[in-house]
C-alpha cells in the first residue's frame, strides 16, 4: 500500500499498538490524525511524527468523531485511510457480567466502530477510494484460548467486528473502498489487566474481584510485532491481518471441526 501523502485517521492511536501503527505509517510518508481520549499522549505523539495532528476523540460520541473528521479535512484536505482501533475489555465470566458492563463494552467496541464507519465512509464512496481497518482480536478469530472463560463479553464484541468487516468488504470493495480486518494476538500494550482491548477506558468495570488474580497466564506479543503484521498485510492486499502464529493452519483446523474450540485448546 502506498502511504505517501495519504491521510490516516487512527482512533486509540496514542498508545500501544495504535502508537506503533501510527509511527510505521508516518515513516512511510502518511499524514497522521492521532485520535484518542488520552489527549496528552496524542499530542506528544503527533509532535514526534513528521506530519500529524492530535485530536481528542471518544468513539461513544458522534460529535467527537465528526470533529475528528473535520480536523482531518481542515488540516490535510482529505481522509484516505481510517483505522477504527478503540476498544475495551473486561475480565469477567459471562454469567457474572452485568447489563451495564455489557452495554458499556458493546457501545464502545461495536457501536463505536459503526459510528466511525458512518462518519467516514460516505466521503470515501464519493471520492471512489479509501480504506478501512477494523480491529478485532485473535480471541474472536480462533477459539480455545485459556483466557476465553474470562473474556466472553470481549470476545462477543470482537466477533461482531469480524462480521462487520466482512459485510463492509462485500459492500464497499466493489465501490473502490478497501477493508482490512486486523486481529492482533495477545499483546503487551501496558494497559491495566482489566483492559484487554485496544484502548484504556476512563471508567472501571463494575466487577469488584481482581481479574489479574483470576486470569491464567499466557504469552504476549509486542505491539511493534502487531504493527508489522498489519503493515505487511496492507502491502500484500490481504483482507485478514492476523498476528497469531500459524493462523492459516489453525483456521483450517477450526473449520474442520465445525468451530469446536476444544480442538484448539492444545495449541496454547
Protein backbone atom coordinates (compact mmCIF):
# COMPACT_ATOMS: atom_id res chain seq x y z
CA UNK A 1 0.00 0.00 0.00
CA UNK A 2 1.22 3.46 -0.87
CA UNK A 3 1.13 5.76 2.19
CA UNK A 4 2.99 8.72 0.71
CA UNK A 5 0.86 11.85 1.14
CA UNK A 6 -2.15 9.83 2.33
CA UNK A 7 -4.09 10.96 5.39
CA UNK A 8 -4.70 8.31 8.05
CA UNK A 9 -7.08 8.65 10.99
CA UNK A 10 -6.40 6.22 13.86
CA UNK A 11 -8.76 6.01 16.83
CA UNK A 12 -6.94 4.96 20.01
CA UNK A 13 -3.81 5.96 18.14
CA UNK A 14 -1.81 7.45 21.01
CA UNK A 15 -0.64 4.36 22.89
CA UNK A 16 0.24 0.70 22.48
CA UNK A 17 -0.46 -0.82 19.08
CA UNK A 18 -2.09 2.36 17.83
CA UNK A 19 1.05 4.35 18.54
CA UNK A 20 3.25 1.80 16.76
CA UNK A 21 0.96 1.70 13.73
CA UNK A 22 0.84 5.49 13.55
CA UNK A 23 4.63 5.59 13.66
CA UNK A 24 5.01 2.93 10.95
CA UNK A 25 2.60 4.74 8.63
CA UNK A 26 4.24 8.09 9.30
CA UNK A 27 7.61 6.60 8.39
CA UNK A 28 6.06 5.62 5.05
CA UNK A 29 5.04 9.23 4.35
CA UNK A 30 1.48 9.40 5.67
CA UNK A 31 -0.21 12.33 7.39
CA UNK A 32 -1.49 11.01 10.73
CA UNK A 33 -4.53 12.09 12.74
CA UNK A 34 -3.98 10.71 16.24
CA UNK A 35 -7.49 10.47 17.69
CA UNK A 36 -7.62 9.38 21.32
CA UNK A 37 -9.31 10.00 24.64
CA UNK A 38 -5.79 10.47 26.04
CA UNK A 39 -5.23 13.92 24.54
CA UNK A 40 -1.87 14.46 26.24
CA UNK A 41 -0.43 11.25 24.79
CA UNK A 42 -1.94 12.01 21.38
CA UNK A 43 -0.39 15.47 21.41
CA UNK A 44 3.01 14.11 22.41
CA UNK A 45 2.95 11.51 19.63
CA UNK A 46 1.76 13.98 17.00
CA UNK A 47 4.68 16.22 17.89
CA UNK A 48 7.10 13.37 17.24
CA UNK A 49 5.76 12.46 13.80
CA UNK A 50 6.68 14.19 10.56
CA UNK A 51 3.15 15.31 9.65
CA UNK A 52 0.47 14.78 12.26
CA UNK A 53 -2.26 16.36 14.35
CA UNK A 54 -3.80 15.25 17.64
CA UNK A 55 -7.48 15.37 18.46
CA UNK A 56 -9.46 14.23 21.48
CA UNK A 57 -11.91 11.55 20.43
CA UNK A 58 -14.19 9.21 22.35
CA UNK A 59 -15.89 6.91 19.84
CA UNK A 60 -19.00 6.82 22.02
CA UNK A 61 -19.63 10.39 20.86
CA UNK A 62 -20.88 11.15 17.36
CA UNK A 63 -19.93 14.77 17.89
CA UNK A 64 -16.30 13.96 18.74
CA UNK A 65 -15.99 11.61 15.77
CA UNK A 66 -17.38 14.26 13.44
CA UNK A 67 -14.98 16.80 14.97
CA UNK A 68 -12.11 14.39 14.27
CA UNK A 69 -13.20 14.10 10.64
CA UNK A 70 -13.40 17.86 10.28
CA UNK A 71 -9.96 18.37 11.85
CA UNK A 72 -8.51 15.89 9.36
CA UNK A 73 -10.13 17.64 6.41
CA UNK A 74 -9.17 21.11 7.60
CA UNK A 75 -5.56 20.12 8.19
CA UNK A 76 -4.88 17.75 5.30
CA UNK A 77 -7.73 18.20 2.81
CA UNK A 78 -8.85 14.57 2.60
CA UNK A 79 -9.08 11.30 4.51
CA UNK A 80 -7.73 8.21 2.78
CA UNK A 81 -7.40 5.56 5.49
CA UNK A 82 -9.37 5.15 8.71
CA UNK A 83 -8.37 2.69 11.40
CA UNK A 84 -11.10 2.06 13.95
CA UNK A 85 -8.97 0.68 16.75
CA UNK A 86 -10.56 1.88 20.01
CA UNK A 87 -11.88 -0.80 22.32
CA UNK A 88 -12.03 -2.03 25.90
CA UNK A 89 -12.25 -5.41 27.59
CA UNK A 90 -13.27 -6.75 30.97
CA UNK A 91 -12.03 -9.98 32.55
CA UNK A 92 -15.35 -11.26 33.91
CA UNK A 93 -17.16 -14.55 33.23
CA UNK A 94 -20.29 -14.16 31.13
CA UNK A 95 -22.57 -15.31 33.95
CA UNK A 96 -21.18 -12.58 36.22
CA UNK A 97 -21.27 -9.72 33.70
CA UNK A 98 -23.85 -7.04 34.44
CA UNK A 99 -26.10 -5.38 31.90
CA UNK A 100 -24.22 -2.14 32.50
CA UNK A 101 -20.88 -3.74 31.62
CA UNK A 102 -22.35 -5.43 28.53
CA UNK A 103 -23.78 -2.14 27.30
CA UNK A 104 -20.58 -0.20 28.00
CA UNK A 105 -18.48 -2.79 26.18
CA UNK A 106 -20.74 -3.05 23.14
CA UNK A 107 -21.26 0.71 22.92
CA UNK A 108 -17.53 1.24 22.52
CA UNK A 109 -16.35 -1.92 20.76
CA UNK A 110 -19.21 -2.37 18.29
CA UNK A 111 -21.42 0.70 18.09
CA UNK A 112 -18.36 2.96 18.39
CA UNK A 113 -16.90 1.28 15.34
CA UNK A 114 -20.19 1.72 13.48
CA UNK A 115 -20.13 5.42 14.35
CA UNK A 116 -16.65 5.76 12.86
CA UNK A 117 -17.75 3.96 9.69
CA UNK A 118 -20.82 6.14 9.36
CA UNK A 119 -18.76 9.31 9.72
CA UNK A 120 -16.04 8.49 7.18
CA UNK A 121 -17.38 6.06 4.59
CA UNK A 122 -19.74 8.44 2.73
CA UNK A 123 -16.81 10.67 1.72
CA UNK A 124 -14.77 7.63 0.66
CA UNK A 125 -17.62 6.46 -1.55
CA UNK A 126 -17.97 9.93 -3.02
CA UNK A 127 -14.27 10.08 -3.90
CA UNK A 128 -14.27 6.45 -5.08
CA UNK A 129 -11.32 5.46 -2.92
CA UNK A 130 -10.28 4.85 0.65
CA UNK A 131 -9.51 2.09 3.10
CA UNK A 132 -10.98 0.94 6.42
CA UNK A 133 -9.05 -1.02 9.04
CA UNK A 134 -11.19 -2.59 11.78
CA UNK A 135 -9.53 -4.08 14.86
CA UNK A 136 -10.90 -7.37 16.14
CA UNK A 137 -8.90 -9.94 18.14
CA UNK A 138 -7.38 -13.38 17.81
CA UNK A 139 -9.63 -14.40 20.70
CA UNK A 140 -12.64 -13.91 18.43
CA UNK A 141 -10.97 -15.36 15.34
CA UNK A 142 -9.77 -18.59 16.98
CA UNK A 143 -11.38 -20.44 19.89
CA UNK A 144 -9.96 -22.40 22.80
CA UNK A 145 -7.62 -19.81 24.33
CA UNK A 146 -7.17 -20.25 28.12
CA UNK A 147 -8.36 -16.69 28.75
CA UNK A 148 -11.65 -17.28 26.93
CA UNK A 149 -13.60 -18.19 30.07
CA UNK A 150 -12.91 -14.74 31.48
CA UNK A 151 -13.30 -12.85 28.23
CA UNK A 152 -16.71 -13.88 26.90
CA UNK A 153 -18.17 -10.38 26.57
CA UNK A 154 -14.98 -9.05 24.96
CA UNK A 155 -14.86 -12.00 22.56
CA UNK A 156 -18.51 -11.49 21.64
CA UNK A 157 -17.88 -7.83 20.83
CA UNK A 158 -14.83 -8.63 18.73
CA UNK A 159 -16.65 -11.43 16.91
CA UNK A 160 -19.18 -8.79 15.90
CA UNK A 161 -16.32 -6.81 14.37
CA UNK A 162 -15.40 -9.81 12.20
CA UNK A 163 -18.94 -9.92 10.82
CA UNK A 164 -18.97 -6.15 10.38
CA UNK A 165 -15.70 -6.20 8.43
CA UNK A 166 -16.93 -8.98 6.14
CA UNK A 167 -20.19 -7.16 5.48
CA UNK A 168 -18.39 -3.89 4.77
CA UNK A 169 -15.90 -5.57 2.45
CA UNK A 170 -18.75 -7.15 0.50
CA UNK A 171 -20.48 -3.79 0.13
CA UNK A 172 -17.55 -1.40 -0.27
CA UNK A 173 -14.74 -3.14 -2.16
CA UNK A 174 -16.72 -3.16 -5.44
CA UNK A 175 -17.06 0.61 -4.99
CA UNK A 176 -13.34 1.23 -4.56
CA UNK A 177 -13.10 1.26 -0.76
CA UNK A 178 -10.86 -1.40 0.74
CA UNK A 179 -11.38 -3.15 4.07
CA UNK A 180 -8.84 -4.89 6.32
CA UNK A 181 -9.73 -6.98 9.37
CA UNK A 182 -6.94 -6.68 11.94
CA UNK A 183 -6.78 -9.49 14.50
CA UNK A 184 -3.83 -8.96 16.85
CA UNK A 185 -2.82 -11.78 19.16
CA UNK A 186 -2.41 -11.30 22.91
CA UNK A 187 -0.24 -8.19 23.04
CA UNK A 188 1.64 -6.37 25.80
CA UNK A 189 0.22 -2.87 25.50
CA UNK A 190 0.90 -1.57 29.00
CA UNK A 191 -2.77 -1.21 29.91
CA UNK A 192 -4.29 -2.45 33.17
CA UNK A 193 -5.22 -6.15 33.47
CA UNK A 194 -8.94 -5.34 33.32
CA UNK A 195 -8.47 -3.81 29.88
CA UNK A 196 -7.92 -6.43 27.24
CA UNK A 197 -8.88 -4.37 24.21
CA UNK A 198 -7.24 -1.71 22.12
CA UNK A 199 -7.55 1.29 24.42
CA UNK A 200 -7.98 2.18 28.05
CA UNK A 201 -11.41 3.15 29.31
CA UNK A 202 -11.96 6.12 31.59
CA UNK A 203 -14.32 4.08 33.75
CA UNK A 204 -13.51 0.86 35.62
CA UNK A 205 -15.71 -2.22 35.12
CA UNK A 206 -18.20 -2.94 37.86
CA UNK A 207 -16.70 -6.33 38.78
CA UNK A 208 -15.05 -5.93 42.17
CA UNK A 209 -12.81 -9.02 42.07
CA UNK A 210 -9.30 -8.89 40.68
CA UNK A 211 -9.10 -10.06 37.04
CA UNK A 212 -5.33 -10.26 37.37
CA UNK A 213 -5.74 -12.87 40.11
CA UNK A 214 -8.32 -14.90 38.18
CA UNK A 215 -6.80 -14.86 34.71
CA UNK A 216 -4.45 -17.66 33.61
CA UNK A 217 -1.02 -16.67 32.41
CA UNK A 218 -0.26 -16.70 28.68
CA UNK A 219 2.39 -15.34 26.36
CA UNK A 220 2.06 -11.91 24.80
CA UNK A 221 3.49 -10.34 21.65
CA UNK A 222 4.91 -6.84 21.35
CA UNK A 223 2.87 -4.00 19.84
CA UNK A 224 5.70 -3.49 17.36
CA UNK A 225 5.17 -7.03 16.04
CA UNK A 226 1.42 -6.46 15.70
CA UNK A 227 2.09 -3.24 13.76
CA UNK A 228 4.50 -5.04 11.44
CA UNK A 229 1.91 -7.75 10.74
CA UNK A 230 -0.70 -5.15 9.83
CA UNK A 231 1.67 -3.23 7.56
CA UNK A 232 2.69 -6.40 5.73
CA UNK A 233 -0.94 -7.39 5.22
CA UNK A 234 -1.78 -3.94 3.85
CA UNK A 235 1.18 -4.13 1.48
CA UNK A 236 0.06 -7.56 0.26
CA UNK A 237 -3.60 -6.52 -0.09
CA UNK A 238 -4.94 -9.20 2.26
CA UNK A 239 -8.34 -8.89 3.95
CA UNK A 240 -7.22 -10.58 7.17
CA UNK A 241 -4.21 -9.31 9.10
CA UNK A 242 -3.70 -11.89 11.83
CA UNK A 243 -0.78 -11.76 14.24
CA UNK A 244 -1.39 -15.30 15.51
CA UNK A 245 1.46 -17.64 14.56
CA UNK A 246 0.41 -20.32 12.06
CA UNK A 247 -3.09 -18.82 11.91
CA UNK A 248 -3.89 -20.24 8.46
CA UNK A 249 -3.45 -23.81 9.71
CA UNK A 250 -5.39 -23.04 12.89
CA UNK A 251 -8.29 -21.60 10.91
CA UNK A 252 -8.40 -24.77 8.81
CA UNK A 253 -8.37 -26.94 11.95
CA UNK A 254 -11.21 -24.87 13.37
CA UNK A 255 -13.21 -25.24 10.17
CA UNK A 256 -12.61 -28.99 10.02
CA UNK A 257 -14.11 -29.49 13.50
CA UNK A 258 -17.02 -27.12 12.75
CA UNK A 259 -15.79 -24.42 15.15
CA UNK A 260 -15.45 -26.67 18.24
CA UNK A 261 -12.97 -24.72 20.44
CA UNK A 262 -11.78 -27.89 22.17
CA UNK A 263 -9.78 -28.79 19.07
CA UNK A 264 -7.57 -25.73 19.51
CA UNK A 265 -7.08 -25.83 23.28
CA UNK A 266 -3.89 -27.88 23.00
CA UNK A 267 -2.36 -25.27 20.65
CA UNK A 268 -1.95 -22.83 23.53
